[in-house]
Amino acid sequence: MLPAPELLGFIAAFCTTFAFVPQVLLVWRQRHADGISTGMYLIFSFGVLLWLLYGLQLGAWPVILANGITLVLALCVLAMKWHFGRRSAPR
């Protein structure tokens, strides 16, 4: 059994990380991300990267896993925003 603080960390990590899944699915299904702020997602992704590096330095698995997955999800939203935005841009 995990110690209480680590268990709490994993539960919090699960909730905050998987909160991004509906956003990723919505952008994927709609094939556009017009309402997504590129600047916010860039700053957010950089912050998550820093948290991931922090977690790696501490060996804190809840921080590492949550931020690793969150970074992938946030970068997926950014990539889809750029991809779908390029396709719908007037030529």
PDB file of N, CA and C in Angstrom:
ATOM      1  N   MET A   1       0.846  -1.186   0.000  1.00  0.00           N
ATOM      2  CA  MET A   1       0.000   0.000   0.000  1.00  0.00           C
ATOM      3  C   MET A   1       0.892   1.250   0.000  1.00  0.00           C
ATOM      4  N   LEU A   2       0.484   2.236  -0.758  1.00  0.00           N
ATOM      5  CA  LEU A   2       1.239   3.492  -0.833  1.00  0.00           C
ATOM      6  C   LEU A   2       1.053   4.314   0.435  1.00  0.00           C
ATOM      7  N   PRO A   3       2.080   5.068   0.838  1.00  0.00           N
ATOM      8  CA  PRO A   3       1.897   6.005   1.950  1.00  0.00           C
ATOM      9  C   PRO A   3       0.831   7.042   1.586  1.00  0.00           C
ATOM     10  N   ALA A   4       0.120   7.543   2.556  1.00  0.00           N
ATOM     11  CA  ALA A   4      -1.000   8.470   2.325  1.00  0.00           C
ATOM     12  C   ALA A   4      -0.617   9.674   1.460  1.00  0.00           C
ATOM     13  N   PRO A   5       0.511  10.358   1.703  1.00  0.00           N
ATOM     14  CA  PRO A   5       0.830  11.512   0.847  1.00  0.00           C
ATOM     15  C   PRO A   5       1.061  11.126  -0.608  1.00  0.00           C
ATOM     16  N   GLU A   6       1.705   9.981  -0.846  1.00  0.00           N
ATOM     17  CA  GLU A   6       1.957   9.552  -2.217  1.00  0.00           C
ATOM     18  C   GLU A   6       0.646   9.136  -2.894  1.00  0.00           C
ATOM     19  N   LEU A   7      -0.230   8.466  -2.169  1.00  0.00           N
ATOM     20  CA  LEU A   7      -1.540   8.088  -2.713  1.00  0.00           C
ATOM     21  C   LEU A   7      -2.338   9.336  -3.067  1.00  0.00           C
ATOM     22  N   LEU A   8      -2.325  10.309  -2.195  1.00  0.00           N
ATOM     23  CA  LEU A   8      -3.000  11.583  -2.457  1.00  0.00           C
ATOM     24  C   LEU A   8      -2.414  12.243  -3.705  1.00  0.00           C
ATOM     25  N   GLY A   9      -1.104  12.184  -3.852  1.00  0.00           N
ATOM     26  CA  GLY A   9      -0.444  12.743  -5.032  1.00  0.00           C
ATOM     27  C   GLY A   9      -0.869  12.054  -6.310  1.00  0.00           C
ATOM     28  N   PHE A  10      -0.974  10.730  -6.288  1.00  0.00           N
ATOM     29  CA  PHE A  10      -1.405   9.997  -7.480  1.00  0.00           C
ATOM     30  C   PHE A  10      -2.860  10.295  -7.833  1.00  0.00           C
ATOM     31  N   ILE A  11      -3.714  10.426  -6.834  1.00  0.00           N
ATOM     32  CA  ILE A  11      -5.127  10.750  -7.091  1.00  0.00           C
ATOM     33  C   ILE A  11      -5.244  12.150  -7.685  1.00  0.00           C
ATOM     34  N   ALA A  12      -4.528  13.105  -7.101  1.00  0.00           N
ATOM     35  CA  ALA A  12      -4.537  14.477  -7.627  1.00  0.00           C
ATOM     36  C   ALA A  12      -3.963  14.505  -9.042  1.00  0.00           C
ATOM     37  N   ALA A  13      -2.888  13.782  -9.267  1.00  0.00           N
ATOM     38  CA  ALA A  13      -2.266  13.727 -10.592  1.00  0.00           C
ATOM     39  C   ALA A  13      -3.239  13.163 -11.620  1.00  0.00           C
ATOM     40  N   PHE A  14      -3.950  12.113 -11.260  1.00  0.00           N
ATOM     41  CA  PHE A  14      -4.916  11.514 -12.175  1.00  0.00           C
ATOM     42  C   PHE A  14      -5.996  12.537 -12.550  1.00  0.00           C
ATOM     43  N   CYS A  15      -6.549  13.216 -11.560  1.00  0.00           N
ATOM     44  CA  CYS A  15      -7.630  14.175 -11.812  1.00  0.00           C
ATOM     45  C   CYS A  15      -7.173  15.342 -12.688  1.00  0.00           C
ATOM     46  N   THR A  16      -6.053  15.945 -12.358  1.00  0.00           N
ATOM     47  CA  THR A  16      -5.610  17.118 -13.117  1.00  0.00           C
ATOM     48  C   THR A  16      -5.086  16.744 -14.496  1.00  0.00           C
ATOM     49  N   THR A  17      -4.519  15.574 -14.629  1.00  0.00           N
ATOM     50  CA  THR A  17      -3.996  15.148 -15.927  1.00  0.00           C
ATOM     51  C   THR A  17      -5.118  14.770 -16.873  1.00  0.00           C
ATOM     52  N   PHE A  18      -6.006  13.921 -16.429  1.00  0.00           N
ATOM     53  CA  PHE A  18      -7.049  13.428 -17.317  1.00  0.00           C
ATOM     54  C   PHE A  18      -8.167  14.429 -17.538  1.00  0.00           C
ATOM     55  N   ALA A  19      -8.100  15.579 -16.870  1.00  0.00           N
ATOM     56  CA  ALA A  19      -9.023  16.673 -17.179  1.00  0.00           C
ATOM     57  C   ALA A  19      -8.766  17.199 -18.589  1.00  0.00           C
ATOM     58  N   PHE A  20      -7.585  16.944 -19.145  1.00  0.00           N
ATOM     59  CA  PHE A  20      -7.246  17.405 -20.497  1.00  0.00           C
ATOM     60  C   PHE A  20      -7.793  16.489 -21.586  1.00  0.00           C
ATOM     61  N   VAL A  21      -8.125  15.280 -21.263  1.00  0.00           N
ATOM     62  CA  VAL A  21      -8.591  14.329 -22.275  1.00  0.00           C
ATOM     63  C   VAL A  21      -9.832  14.838 -23.009  1.00  0.00           C
ATOM     64  N   PRO A  22     -10.858  15.361 -22.329  1.00  0.00           N
ATOM     65  CA  PRO A  22     -12.012  15.881 -23.076  1.00  0.00           C
ATOM     66  C   PRO A  22     -11.644  16.998 -24.059  1.00  0.00           C
ATOM     67  N   GLN A  23     -10.694  17.842 -23.703  1.00  0.00           N
ATOM     68  CA  GLN A  23     -10.266  18.915 -24.604  1.00  0.00           C
ATOM     69  C   GLN A  23      -9.604  18.347 -25.848  1.00  0.00           C
ATOM     70  N   VAL A  24      -8.731  17.380 -25.666  1.00  0.00           N
ATOM     71  CA  VAL A  24      -8.056  16.745 -26.796  1.00  0.00           C
ATOM     72  C   VAL A  24      -9.084  16.077 -27.712  1.00  0.00           C
ATOM     73  N   LEU A  25     -10.018  15.359 -27.125  1.00  0.00           N
ATOM     74  CA  LEU A  25     -11.042  14.676 -27.924  1.00  0.00           C
ATOM     75  C   LEU A  25     -11.945  15.666 -28.656  1.00  0.00           C
ATOM     76  N   LEU A  26     -12.301  16.762 -27.996  1.00  0.00           N
ATOM     77  CA  LEU A  26     -13.153  17.774 -28.624  1.00  0.00           C
ATOM     78  C   LEU A  26     -12.467  18.392 -29.839  1.00  0.00           C
ATOM     79  N   VAL A  27     -11.216  18.787 -29.693  1.00  0.00           N
ATOM     80  CA  VAL A  27     -10.479  19.385 -30.806  1.00  0.00           C
ATOM     81  C   VAL A  27     -10.349  18.367 -31.940  1.00  0.00           C
ATOM     82  N   TRP A  28     -10.068  17.121 -31.600  1.00  0.00           N
ATOM     83  CA  TRP A  28      -9.922  16.077 -32.613  1.00  0.00           C
ATOM     84  C   TRP A  28     -11.230  15.868 -33.385  1.00  0.00           C
ATOM     85  N   ARG A  29     -12.335  15.791 -32.663  1.00  0.00           N
ATOM     86  CA  ARG A  29     -13.629  15.554 -33.320  1.00  0.00           C
ATOM     87  C   ARG A  29     -14.079  16.739 -34.168  1.00  0.00           C
ATOM     88  N   GLN A  30     -13.863  17.954 -33.661  1.00  0.00           N
ATOM     89  CA  GLN A  30     -14.311  19.152 -34.381  1.00  0.00           C
ATOM     90  C   GLN A  30     -13.370  19.531 -35.522  1.00  0.00           C
ATOM     91  N   ARG A  31     -12.154  19.037 -35.463  1.00  0.00           N
ATOM     92  CA  ARG A  31     -11.135  19.345 -36.466  1.00  0.00           C
ATOM     93  C   ARG A  31     -10.802  20.840 -36.534  1.00  0.00           C
ATOM     94  N   HIS A  32     -10.949  21.516 -35.411  1.00  0.00           N
ATOM     95  CA  HIS A  32     -10.497  22.902 -35.297  1.00  0.00           C
ATOM     96  C   HIS A  32     -10.326  23.238 -33.821  1.00  0.00           C
ATOM     97  N   ALA A  33      -9.521  24.249 -33.592  1.00  0.00           N
ATOM     98  CA  ALA A  33      -9.256  24.690 -32.222  1.00  0.00           C
ATOM     99  C   ALA A  33      -9.258  26.206 -32.184  1.00  0.00           C
ATOM    100  N   ASP A  34     -10.237  26.786 -32.860  1.00  0.00           N
ATOM    101  CA  ASP A  34     -10.296  28.248 -32.964  1.00  0.00           C
ATOM    102  C   ASP A  34     -10.371  28.931 -31.601  1.00  0.00           C
ATOM    103  N   GLY A  35     -11.020  28.313 -30.637  1.00  0.00           N
ATOM    104  CA  GLY A  35     -11.168  28.926 -29.324  1.00  0.00           C
ATOM    105  C   GLY A  35     -10.008  28.675 -28.379  1.00  0.00           C
ATOM    106  N   ILE A  36      -8.992  27.979 -28.829  1.00  0.00           N
ATOM    107  CA  ILE A  36      -7.838  27.651 -27.994  1.00  0.00           C
ATOM    108  C   ILE A  36      -6.788  28.746 -28.129  1.00  0.00           C
ATOM    109  N   SER A  37      -6.313  29.242 -27.006  1.00  0.00           N
ATOM    110  CA  SER A  37      -5.273  30.266 -27.005  1.00  0.00           C
ATOM    111  C   SER A  37      -3.898  29.622 -27.166  1.00  0.00           C
ATOM    112  N   THR A  38      -3.238  29.933 -28.280  1.00  0.00           N
ATOM    113  CA  THR A  38      -1.897  29.397 -28.521  1.00  0.00           C
ATOM    114  C   THR A  38      -0.928  29.852 -27.437  1.00  0.00           C
ATOM    115  N   GLY A  39      -0.973  31.126 -27.094  1.00  0.00           N
ATOM    116  CA  GLY A  39      -0.071  31.652 -26.065  1.00  0.00           C
ATOM    117  C   GLY A  39      -0.253  30.964 -24.730  1.00  0.00           C
ATOM    118  N   MET A  40      -1.497  30.765 -24.327  1.00  0.00           N
ATOM    119  CA  MET A  40      -1.758  30.105 -23.054  1.00  0.00           C
ATOM    120  C   MET A  40      -1.216  28.680 -23.072  1.00  0.00           C
ATOM    121  N   TYR A  41      -1.460  27.935 -24.157  1.00  0.00           N
ATOM    122  CA  TYR A  41      -0.991  26.553 -24.226  1.00  0.00           C
ATOM    123  C   TYR A  41       0.529  26.473 -24.304  1.00  0.00           C
ATOM    124  N   LEU A  42       1.183  27.438 -24.954  1.00  0.00           N
ATOM    125  CA  LEU A  42       2.649  27.444 -24.983  1.00  0.00           C
ATOM    126  C   LEU A  42       3.228  27.686 -23.592  1.00  0.00           C
ATOM    127  N   ILE A  43       2.701  28.685 -22.899  1.00  0.00           N
ATOM    128  CA  ILE A  43       3.180  28.989 -21.545  1.00  0.00           C
ATOM    129  C   ILE A  43       2.867  27.831 -20.601  1.00  0.00           C
ATOM    130  N   PHE A  44       1.652  27.297 -20.713  1.00  0.00           N
ATOM    131  CA  PHE A  44       1.254  26.168 -19.876  1.00  0.00           C
ATOM    132  C   PHE A  44       2.174  24.969 -20.119  1.00  0.00           C
ATOM    133  N   SER A  45       2.439  24.652 -21.390  1.00  0.00           N
ATOM    134  CA  SER A  45       3.292  23.508 -21.722  1.00  0.00           C
ATOM    135  C   SER A  45       4.706  23.696 -21.180  1.00  0.00           C
ATOM    136  N   PHE A  46       5.221  24.914 -21.261  1.00  0.00           N
ATOM    137  CA  PHE A  46       6.547  25.182 -20.705  1.00  0.00           C
ATOM    138  C   PHE A  46       6.537  24.984 -19.186  1.00  0.00           C
ATOM    139  N   GLY A  47       5.500  25.454 -18.526  1.00  0.00           N
ATOM    140  CA  GLY A  47       5.381  25.256 -17.082  1.00  0.00           C
ATOM    141  C   GLY A  47       5.295  23.786 -16.714  1.00  0.00           C
ATOM    142  N   VAL A  48       4.537  23.025 -17.478  1.00  0.00           N
ATOM    143  CA  VAL A  48       4.420  21.588 -17.225  1.00  0.00           C
ATOM    144  C   VAL A  48       5.764  20.898 -17.453  1.00  0.00           C
ATOM    145  N   LEU A  49       6.499  21.323 -18.471  1.00  0.00           N
ATOM    146  CA  LEU A  49       7.833  20.783 -18.698  1.00  0.00           C
ATOM    147  C   LEU A  49       8.733  21.040 -17.488  1.00  0.00           C
ATOM    148  N   LEU A  50       8.655  22.237 -16.944  1.00  0.00           N
ATOM    149  CA  LEU A  50       9.464  22.555 -15.755  1.00  0.00           C
ATOM    150  C   LEU A  50       9.052  21.701 -14.558  1.00  0.00           C
ATOM    151  N   TRP A  51       7.747  21.477 -14.371  1.00  0.00           N
ATOM    152  CA  TRP A  51       7.282  20.595 -13.291  1.00  0.00           C
ATOM    153  C   TRP A  51       7.784  19.171 -13.510  1.00  0.00           C
ATOM    154  N   LEU A  52       7.791  18.722 -14.758  1.00  0.00           N
ATOM    155  CA  LEU A  52       8.293  17.387 -15.070  1.00  0.00           C
ATOM    156  C   LEU A  52       9.774  17.279 -14.697  1.00  0.00           C
ATOM    157  N   LEU A  53      10.564  18.278 -15.077  1.00  0.00           N
ATOM    158  CA  LEU A  53      11.985  18.281 -14.731  1.00  0.00           C
ATOM    159  C   LEU A  53      12.192  18.317 -13.222  1.00  0.00           C
ATOM    160  N   TYR A  54      11.367  19.096 -12.531  1.00  0.00           N
ATOM    161  CA  TYR A  54      11.413  19.173 -11.067  1.00  0.00           C
ATOM    162  C   TYR A  54      11.124  17.791 -10.460  1.00  0.00           C
ATOM    163  N   GLY A  55      10.070  17.154 -10.960  1.00  0.00           N
ATOM    164  CA  GLY A  55       9.721  15.825 -10.465  1.00  0.00           C
ATOM    165  C   GLY A  55      10.823  14.808 -10.716  1.00  0.00           C
ATOM    166  N   LEU A  56      11.461  14.902 -11.891  1.00  0.00           N
ATOM    167  CA  LEU A  56      12.571  13.998 -12.194  1.00  0.00           C
ATOM    168  C   LEU A  56      13.734  14.202 -11.228  1.00  0.00           C
ATOM    169  N   GLN A  57      14.023  15.450 -10.894  1.00  0.00           N
ATOM    170  CA  GLN A  57      15.116  15.730  -9.961  1.00  0.00           C
ATOM    171  C   GLN A  57      14.827  15.181  -8.571  1.00  0.00           C
ATOM    172  N   LEU A  58      13.545  15.224  -8.180  1.00  0.00           N
ATOM    173  CA  LEU A  58      13.174  14.726  -6.854  1.00  0.00           C
ATOM    174  C   LEU A  58      12.886  13.228  -6.841  1.00  0.00           C
ATOM    175  N   GLY A  59      12.665  12.657  -8.006  1.00  0.00           N
ATOM    176  CA  GLY A  59      12.244  11.265  -8.064  1.00  0.00           C
ATOM    177  C   GLY A  59      10.816  11.089  -7.573  1.00  0.00           C
ATOM    178  N   ALA A  60       9.987  12.124  -7.746  1.00  0.00           N
ATOM    179  CA  ALA A  60       8.598  12.116  -7.266  1.00  0.00           C
ATOM    180  C   ALA A  60       7.687  11.581  -8.372  1.00  0.00           C
ATOM    181  N   TRP A  61       7.330  10.306  -8.281  1.00  0.00           N
ATOM    182  CA  TRP A  61       6.589   9.656  -9.352  1.00  0.00           C
ATOM    183  C   TRP A  61       5.224  10.266  -9.639  1.00  0.00           C
ATOM    184  N   PRO A  62       4.456  10.713  -8.655  1.00  0.00           N
ATOM    185  CA  PRO A  62       3.187  11.360  -9.010  1.00  0.00           C
ATOM    186  C   PRO A  62       3.405  12.605  -9.875  1.00  0.00           C
ATOM    187  N   VAL A  63       4.429  13.376  -9.564  1.00  0.00           N
ATOM    188  CA  VAL A  63       4.739  14.601 -10.313  1.00  0.00           C
ATOM    189  C   VAL A  63       5.257  14.238 -11.715  1.00  0.00           C
ATOM    190  N   ILE A  64       6.103  13.231 -11.789  1.00  0.00           N
ATOM    191  CA  ILE A  64       6.677  12.812 -13.070  1.00  0.00           C
ATOM    192  C   ILE A  64       5.589  12.301 -14.011  1.00  0.00           C
ATOM    193  N   LEU A  65       4.786  11.378 -13.534  1.00  0.00           N
ATOM    194  CA  LEU A  65       3.757  10.775 -14.387  1.00  0.00           C
ATOM    195  C   LEU A  65       2.707  11.797 -14.814  1.00  0.00           C
ATOM    196  N   ALA A  66       2.223  12.562 -13.863  1.00  0.00           N
ATOM    197  CA  ALA A  66       1.176  13.535 -14.179  1.00  0.00           C
ATOM    198  C   ALA A  66       1.658  14.553 -15.193  1.00  0.00           C
ATOM    199  N   ASN A  67       2.827  15.085 -14.987  1.00  0.00           N
ATOM    200  CA  ASN A  67       3.310  16.133 -15.874  1.00  0.00           C
ATOM    201  C   ASN A  67       3.804  15.586 -17.205  1.00  0.00           C
ATOM    202  N   GLY A  68       4.307  14.374 -17.225  1.00  0.00           N
ATOM    203  CA  GLY A  68       4.680  13.753 -18.491  1.00  0.00           C
ATOM    204  C   GLY A  68       3.462  13.553 -19.383  1.00  0.00           C
ATOM    205  N   ILE A  69       2.394  13.015 -18.818  1.00  0.00           N
ATOM    206  CA  ILE A  69       1.171  12.789 -19.581  1.00  0.00           C
ATOM    207  C   ILE A  69       0.503  14.109 -19.948  1.00  0.00           C
ATOM    208  N   THR A  70       0.448  15.041 -18.997  1.00  0.00           N
ATOM    209  CA  THR A  70      -0.166  16.345 -19.269  1.00  0.00           C
ATOM    210  C   THR A  70       0.580  17.072 -20.378  1.00  0.00           C
ATOM    211  N   LEU A  71       1.896  17.002 -20.383  1.00  0.00           N
ATOM    212  CA  LEU A  71       2.680  17.648 -21.430  1.00  0.00           C
ATOM    213  C   LEU A  71       2.335  17.066 -22.801  1.00  0.00           C
ATOM    214  N   VAL A  72       2.227  15.760 -22.888  1.00  0.00           N
ATOM    215  CA  VAL A  72       1.865  15.125 -24.158  1.00  0.00           C
ATOM    216  C   VAL A  72       0.479  15.588 -24.611  1.00  0.00           C
ATOM    217  N   LEU A  73      -0.487  15.610 -23.692  1.00  0.00           N
ATOM    218  CA  LEU A  73      -1.842  16.032 -24.043  1.00  0.00           C
ATOM    219  C   LEU A  73      -1.885  17.496 -24.480  1.00  0.00           C
ATOM    220  N   ALA A  74      -1.203  18.376 -23.748  1.00  0.00           N
ATOM    221  CA  ALA A  74      -1.192  19.802 -24.105  1.00  0.00           C
ATOM    222  C   ALA A  74      -0.510  20.014 -25.457  1.00  0.00           C
ATOM    223  N   LEU A  75       0.572  19.299 -25.711  1.00  0.00           N
ATOM    224  CA  LEU A  75       1.251  19.427 -26.997  1.00  0.00           C
ATOM    225  C   LEU A  75       0.402  18.868 -28.134  1.00  0.00           C
ATOM    226  N   CYS A  76      -0.412  17.863 -27.847  1.00  0.00           N
ATOM    227  CA  CYS A  76      -1.342  17.340 -28.860  1.00  0.00           C
ATOM    228  C   CYS A  76      -2.362  18.409 -29.244  1.00  0.00           C
ATOM    229  N   VAL A  77      -2.885  19.127 -28.257  1.00  0.00           N
ATOM    230  CA  VAL A  77      -3.837  20.203 -28.548  1.00  0.00           C
ATOM    231  C   VAL A  77      -3.158  21.274 -29.397  1.00  0.00           C
ATOM    232  N   LEU A  78      -1.948  21.666 -29.035  1.00  0.00           N
ATOM    233  CA  LEU A  78      -1.221  22.669 -29.816  1.00  0.00           C
ATOM    234  C   LEU A  78      -0.960  22.190 -31.241  1.00  0.00           C
ATOM    235  N   ALA A  79      -0.525  20.962 -31.377  1.00  0.00           N
ATOM    236  CA  ALA A  79      -0.240  20.418 -32.711  1.00  0.00           C
ATOM    237  C   ALA A  79      -1.507  20.391 -33.561  1.00  0.00           C
ATOM    238  N   MET A  80      -2.627  19.977 -32.971  1.00  0.00           N
ATOM    239  CA  MET A  80      -3.879  19.954 -33.727  1.00  0.00           C
ATOM    240  C   MET A  80      -4.335  21.362 -34.078  1.00  0.00           C
ATOM    241  N   LYS A  81      -4.133  22.314 -33.158  1.00  0.00           N
ATOM    242  CA  LYS A  81      -4.509  23.699 -33.444  1.00  0.00           C
ATOM    243  C   LYS A  81      -3.738  24.195 -34.661  1.00  0.00           C
ATOM    244  N   TRP A  82      -2.441  23.952 -34.692  1.00  0.00           N
ATOM    245  CA  TRP A  82      -1.631  24.402 -35.824  1.00  0.00           C
ATOM    246  C   TRP A  82      -1.991  23.640 -37.097  1.00  0.00           C
ATOM    247  N   HIS A  83      -2.187  22.345 -36.984  1.00  0.00           N
ATOM    248  CA  HIS A  83      -2.503  21.532 -38.160  1.00  0.00           C
ATOM    249  C   HIS A  83      -3.861  21.899 -38.741  1.00  0.00           C
ATOM    250  N   PHE A  84      -4.875  21.920 -37.909  1.00  0.00           N
ATOM    251  CA  PHE A  84      -6.215  22.229 -38.401  1.00  0.00           C
ATOM    252  C   PHE A  84      -6.330  23.688 -38.826  1.00  0.00           C
ATOM    253  N   GLY A  85      -5.609  24.581 -38.159  1.00  0.00           N
ATOM    254  CA  GLY A  85      -5.616  26.000 -38.527  1.00  0.00           C
ATOM    255  C   GLY A  85      -4.989  26.235 -39.885  1.00  0.00           C
ATOM    256  N   ARG A  86      -3.938  25.498 -40.186  1.00  0.00           N
ATOM    257  CA  ARG A  86      -3.269  25.601 -41.481  1.00  0.00           C
ATOM    258  C   ARG A  86      -4.180  25.102 -42.600  1.00  0.00           C
ATOM    259  N   ARG A  87      -4.921  24.052 -42.330  1.00  0.00           N
ATOM    260  CA  ARG A  87      -5.816  23.478 -43.345  1.00  0.00           C
ATOM    261  C   ARG A  87      -6.984  24.395 -43.662  1.00  0.00           C
ATOM    262  N   SER A  88      -7.463  25.141 -42.648  1.00  0.00           N
ATOM    263  CA  SER A  88      -8.643  25.972 -42.869  1.00  0.00           C
ATOM    264  C   SER A  88      -8.297  27.413 -43.234  1.00  0.00           C
ATOM    265  N   ALA A  89      -7.007  27.742 -43.247  1.00  0.00           N
ATOM    266  CA  ALA A  89      -6.597  29.116 -43.581  1.00  0.00           C
ATOM    267  C   ALA A  89      -6.876  29.415 -45.056  1.00  0.00           C
ATOM    268  N   PRO A  90      -7.356  30.617 -45.350  1.00  0.00           N
ATOM    269  CA  PRO A  90      -7.599  30.969 -46.749  1.00  0.00           C
ATOM    270  C   PRO A  90      -6.288  31.034 -47.525  1.00  0.00           C
ATOM    271  N   ARG A  91      -6.345  30.626 -48.781  1.00  0.00           N
ATOM    272  CA  ARG A  91      -5.122  30.608 -49.608  1.00  0.00           C
ATOM    273  C   ARG A  91      -5.230  31.615 -50.698  1.00  0.00           C
TER     274      ARG A  91
END
